[in-house]
Amino acid sequence: MRLNGKTAIVTGGASGFGAGIARKFAAEGATVMVVDLNTDAATGIADEIGGIAHRTDVSNGDQVAAMIETAIRQMGHVDILVNNAGITHLPAQMEDVTEHDFDRVFAVNCKSVYLSARSLVPHFKHRRSGNILNIASTAGVSPRPRLNWYNASKGWMITATRTMAVELAPDGIRVNALNPVAGETPLLKSFMGEDTPEIRAKFLSTIPLGRFSHPEDLGNAAAFLCSDEASMITGVCMEVDGGRCI
């Protein structure tokens, strides 16, 4: 029960890595607000773990502010924010990605981190404690071709994590990130373009441990970084990648 008595917001919490993190946090004693655009799926996870479901477009400032306000009102305070919501564009030459897809990737993957910080950091500063965990990607460390703008958005998140950690440390706020390798999540097909045994084998050949990451892998790593056991760790962007970035 490493998170006993803690409260957490997990964006993109209705599926994939977010659901794995939400489940693990609840198992470790936390009360979790499961945030997603998919209300039914968020409600399903929240009901399963005894949490709270909330629909939010994380790229919309008003909705993010309302999410934070609701979390504080319903849970009393917030200890942990996991910025997990993310999207990608389909594999393509960089010049062929549409402006719409580019804007959408950066709005969800980058702007959302700014918006959540803008709304929640004052609460953390008032409490002199808080924990932000950004879910970045190995794509920001060892990028694959044809996913250029997605790679760039995750590189942005890694730099933002380190910058936030340095600035917020004097206020007792820790900021870390996880860099997962491609996993068994709804985004996997988008990364690959199409899901075939041949393409899966090509992806797996780049992962020394020989498997995709699982939501449970991210949940375990997230629970550690957001627990008091990691109280001296901030600004770390930890690979959960089976050796992909070595």
Protein backbone atom coordinates (compact mmCIF):
# COMPACT_ATOMS: atom_id res chain seq x y z
CA MET A 1 0.00 0.00 0.00
CA ARG A 2 2.67 2.46 -1.07
CA LEU A 3 0.08 5.09 -2.05
CA ASN A 4 -2.27 4.61 0.88
CA GLY A 5 -4.27 7.80 1.46
CA LYS A 6 -2.97 9.48 -1.70
CA THR A 7 -5.19 10.99 -4.38
CA ALA A 8 -4.33 10.90 -8.07
CA ILE A 9 -5.53 12.09 -11.45
CA VAL A 10 -4.68 9.84 -14.41
CA THR A 11 -5.43 11.27 -17.84
CA GLY A 12 -6.11 8.85 -20.66
CA GLY A 13 -6.98 6.47 -17.86
CA ALA A 14 -9.71 4.49 -19.58
CA SER A 15 -7.42 2.17 -21.57
CA GLY A 16 -3.86 1.09 -22.23
CA PHE A 17 -1.07 2.42 -20.03
CA GLY A 18 -3.44 4.81 -18.24
CA ALA A 19 -5.74 2.01 -17.16
CA GLY A 20 -2.74 0.00 -15.98
CA ILE A 21 -1.53 2.93 -13.90
CA ALA A 22 -4.99 3.62 -12.48
CA ARG A 23 -5.42 -0.02 -11.46
CA LYS A 24 -1.99 -0.18 -9.83
CA PHE A 25 -2.48 3.09 -7.96
CA ALA A 26 -5.81 1.87 -6.58
CA ALA A 27 -4.25 -1.46 -5.58
CA GLU A 28 -1.59 0.53 -3.70
CA GLY A 29 -4.25 2.45 -1.77
CA ALA A 30 -4.81 5.62 -3.81
CA THR A 31 -8.10 7.24 -4.73
CA VAL A 32 -7.98 7.78 -8.49
CA MET A 33 -9.81 10.13 -10.83
CA VAL A 34 -9.90 8.38 -14.21
CA VAL A 35 -9.92 11.05 -16.92
CA ASP A 36 -10.69 10.30 -20.55
CA LEU A 37 -12.69 11.45 -23.56
CA ASN A 38 -14.43 8.07 -23.53
CA THR A 39 -16.92 8.51 -20.68
CA ASP A 40 -18.22 4.94 -20.70
CA ALA A 41 -14.74 3.40 -20.62
CA ALA A 42 -13.59 5.81 -17.90
CA THR A 43 -16.65 4.94 -15.83
CA GLY A 44 -15.92 1.24 -16.28
CA ILE A 45 -12.36 1.58 -14.93
CA ALA A 46 -13.47 3.92 -12.15
CA ASP A 47 -16.20 1.52 -11.03
CA GLU A 48 -13.72 -1.36 -11.11
CA ILE A 49 -11.19 0.39 -8.86
CA GLY A 50 -13.53 2.44 -6.69
CA GLY A 51 -12.46 5.70 -8.27
CA ILE A 52 -14.03 8.70 -9.97
CA ALA A 53 -14.64 9.08 -13.71
CA HIS A 54 -14.36 12.45 -15.41
CA ARG A 55 -14.59 13.37 -19.09
CA THR A 56 -12.00 15.91 -20.22
CA ASP A 57 -10.40 17.05 -23.46
CA VAL A 58 -6.89 17.61 -22.09
CA SER A 59 -6.07 20.05 -24.90
CA ASN A 60 -8.86 22.42 -23.76
CA GLY A 61 -7.88 24.87 -21.05
CA ASP A 62 -11.37 25.38 -19.63
CA GLN A 63 -11.99 21.65 -19.41
CA VAL A 64 -8.64 21.00 -17.74
CA ALA A 65 -9.32 23.74 -15.18
CA ALA A 66 -12.73 22.20 -14.48
CA MET A 67 -11.10 18.77 -14.12
CA ILE A 68 -8.66 20.05 -11.48
CA GLU A 69 -11.41 21.93 -9.64
CA THR A 70 -13.62 18.84 -9.59
CA ALA A 71 -10.78 16.62 -8.39
CA ILE A 72 -9.98 18.93 -5.49
CA ARG A 73 -13.64 19.25 -4.57
CA GLN A 74 -14.40 15.54 -4.70
CA MET A 75 -11.14 14.16 -3.29
CA GLY A 76 -10.28 17.02 -0.93
CA HIS A 77 -6.86 17.59 -2.48
CA VAL A 78 -4.62 16.18 -5.20
CA ASP A 79 -1.29 14.46 -4.50
CA ILE A 80 -0.42 13.02 -7.92
CA LEU A 81 -1.03 13.97 -11.54
CA VAL A 82 -0.22 11.50 -14.31
CA ASN A 83 -0.16 13.13 -17.74
CA ASN A 84 -0.75 9.97 -19.74
CA ALA A 85 -3.20 11.04 -22.46
CA GLY A 86 -1.49 10.98 -25.83
CA ILE A 87 -1.99 10.43 -29.54
CA THR A 88 0.12 9.95 -32.64
CA HIS A 89 -0.12 10.57 -36.34
CA LEU A 90 0.03 7.59 -38.68
CA PRO A 91 3.47 6.66 -40.03
CA ALA A 92 4.30 8.97 -42.93
CA GLN A 93 7.07 11.04 -44.43
CA MET A 94 7.42 14.15 -42.28
CA GLU A 95 6.36 16.49 -45.09
CA ASP A 96 3.21 14.47 -45.74
CA VAL A 97 1.75 14.75 -42.22
CA THR A 98 -1.14 17.19 -42.38
CA GLU A 99 -1.14 20.44 -40.43
CA HIS A 100 -4.30 19.26 -38.68
CA ASP A 101 -2.59 16.07 -37.47
CA PHE A 102 0.52 18.00 -36.40
CA ASP A 103 -1.55 20.47 -34.37
CA ARG A 104 -3.57 17.68 -32.80
CA VAL A 105 -0.47 15.73 -31.72
CA PHE A 106 1.11 18.77 -30.07
CA ALA A 107 -2.15 19.89 -28.47
CA VAL A 108 -2.73 16.53 -26.78
CA ASN A 109 0.86 15.49 -26.09
CA CYS A 110 2.40 18.88 -25.17
CA LYS A 111 -0.13 21.63 -24.57
CA SER A 112 -1.99 19.38 -22.13
CA VAL A 113 1.07 19.26 -19.85
CA TYR A 114 1.16 23.06 -19.77
CA LEU A 115 -2.58 23.31 -19.15
CA SER A 116 -2.60 20.81 -16.28
CA ALA A 117 0.43 22.47 -14.68
CA ARG A 118 -1.17 25.89 -14.98
CA SER A 119 -4.26 24.68 -13.12
CA LEU A 120 -2.70 22.31 -10.57
CA VAL A 121 0.72 23.69 -9.65
CA PRO A 122 -0.74 26.51 -7.49
CA HIS A 123 -2.55 23.84 -5.44
CA PHE A 124 0.68 21.86 -5.09
CA LYS A 125 2.61 24.98 -4.09
CA HIS A 126 0.02 25.82 -1.44
CA ARG A 127 0.39 22.31 0.00
CA ARG A 128 4.19 22.37 -0.39
CA SER A 129 4.03 18.93 -1.98
CA GLY A 130 2.91 17.23 -5.15
CA ASN A 131 3.95 14.73 -7.77
CA ILE A 132 3.71 15.02 -11.55
CA LEU A 133 4.44 12.03 -13.76
CA ASN A 134 4.58 12.55 -17.51
CA ILE A 135 4.26 9.55 -19.82
CA ALA A 136 6.72 10.30 -22.60
CA SER A 137 8.16 7.61 -24.88
CA THR A 138 11.28 5.94 -26.17
CA ALA A 139 10.34 7.83 -29.33
CA GLY A 140 11.74 10.94 -27.67
CA VAL A 141 15.06 9.18 -26.95
CA SER A 142 15.62 6.84 -29.89
CA PRO A 143 13.18 7.96 -32.60
CA ARG A 144 11.80 5.76 -35.35
CA PRO A 145 11.50 7.15 -38.90
CA ARG A 146 8.11 8.19 -40.30
CA LEU A 147 6.86 9.21 -36.84
CA ASN A 148 8.79 12.48 -36.83
CA TRP A 149 6.30 14.84 -35.23
CA TYR A 150 5.17 12.30 -32.64
CA ASN A 151 8.84 11.73 -31.76
CA ALA A 152 9.33 15.47 -31.43
CA SER A 153 6.33 15.84 -29.13
CA LYS A 154 7.74 13.21 -26.78
CA GLY A 155 11.18 14.82 -26.87
CA TRP A 156 9.42 18.03 -25.85
CA MET A 157 7.80 16.21 -22.94
CA ILE A 158 11.16 14.86 -21.74
CA THR A 159 12.69 18.35 -21.76
CA ALA A 160 9.61 19.82 -20.10
CA THR A 161 9.82 17.19 -17.36
CA ARG A 162 13.41 18.10 -16.50
CA THR A 163 12.71 21.82 -16.61
CA MET A 164 9.61 21.49 -14.44
CA ALA A 165 11.56 19.36 -11.95
CA VAL A 166 14.26 22.00 -11.49
CA GLU A 167 11.81 24.88 -11.17
CA LEU A 168 9.35 23.16 -8.83
CA ALA A 169 11.80 21.34 -6.54
CA PRO A 170 12.05 24.26 -4.06
CA ASP A 171 8.28 24.01 -3.60
CA GLY A 172 8.45 20.32 -2.64
CA ILE A 173 7.05 19.17 -5.98
CA ARG A 174 8.63 16.25 -7.83
CA VAL A 175 8.34 15.78 -11.60
CA ASN A 176 9.41 12.63 -13.42
CA ALA A 177 8.62 10.83 -16.67
CA LEU A 178 8.39 7.31 -18.01
CA ASN A 179 9.58 6.38 -21.49
CA PRO A 180 7.70 3.24 -22.50
CA VAL A 181 8.47 1.28 -25.61
CA ALA A 182 5.54 0.43 -27.90
CA GLY A 183 3.00 -1.58 -25.95
CA GLU A 184 -0.19 -3.56 -26.19
CA THR A 185 -2.39 -0.46 -26.18
CA PRO A 186 -4.89 1.11 -28.59
CA LEU A 187 -2.07 3.21 -30.08
CA LEU A 188 0.02 0.23 -31.19
CA LYS A 189 -1.70 -0.15 -34.55
CA SER A 190 -1.28 3.59 -35.19
CA PHE A 191 2.46 3.36 -34.57
CA MET A 192 2.83 0.42 -36.91
CA GLY A 193 0.49 1.70 -39.61
CA GLU A 194 -1.05 -1.75 -39.82
CA ASP A 195 -0.98 -4.68 -37.44
CA THR A 196 0.50 -7.71 -39.18
CA PRO A 197 2.76 -10.51 -37.87
CA GLU A 198 5.58 -9.23 -40.09
CA ILE A 199 5.41 -5.66 -38.79
CA ARG A 200 5.10 -6.88 -35.19
CA ALA A 201 8.19 -9.04 -35.67
CA LYS A 202 10.09 -6.02 -37.05
CA PHE A 203 9.15 -3.91 -34.01
CA LEU A 204 9.97 -6.70 -31.56
CA SER A 205 13.38 -7.26 -33.15
CA THR A 206 14.44 -3.83 -31.77
CA ILE A 207 13.51 -4.71 -28.16
CA PRO A 208 16.20 -6.85 -26.47
CA LEU A 209 13.79 -8.42 -23.99
CA GLY A 210 11.69 -9.51 -26.94
CA ARG A 211 8.24 -8.30 -25.99
CA PHE A 212 6.05 -5.20 -26.07
CA SER A 213 5.49 -3.27 -22.85
CA HIS A 214 2.31 -4.04 -20.91
CA PRO A 215 0.07 -1.66 -18.96
CA GLU A 216 1.17 -3.47 -15.79
CA ASP A 217 4.80 -2.57 -16.52
CA LEU A 218 3.93 1.10 -16.58
CA GLY A 219 1.73 0.79 -13.51
CA ASN A 220 4.56 -0.75 -11.51
CA ALA A 221 7.08 1.90 -12.53
CA ALA A 222 4.60 4.72 -11.98
CA ALA A 223 3.68 3.49 -8.51
CA PHE A 224 7.34 3.56 -7.48
CA LEU A 225 8.10 7.03 -8.86
CA CYS A 226 4.95 8.47 -7.27
CA SER A 227 5.54 6.85 -3.89
CA ASP A 228 7.51 8.15 -0.93
CA GLU A 229 10.13 5.50 -1.72
CA ALA A 230 11.19 7.79 -4.59
CA SER A 231 11.21 10.96 -2.48
CA MET A 232 14.75 11.85 -3.61
CA ILE A 233 14.05 11.24 -7.31
CA THR A 234 13.02 14.14 -9.54
CA GLY A 235 13.75 15.07 -13.14
CA VAL A 236 14.24 11.42 -14.10
CA CYS A 237 12.95 10.14 -17.44
CA MET A 238 13.03 6.39 -16.90
CA GLU A 239 12.92 3.95 -19.79
CA VAL A 240 10.46 1.08 -19.44
CA ASP A 241 11.52 -0.40 -22.71
CA GLY A 242 13.06 -3.86 -22.43
CA GLY A 243 16.42 -2.39 -23.46
CA ARG A 244 15.16 -0.61 -26.60
CA CYS A 245 17.22 2.55 -25.97
CA ILE A 246 20.53 0.89 -25.14
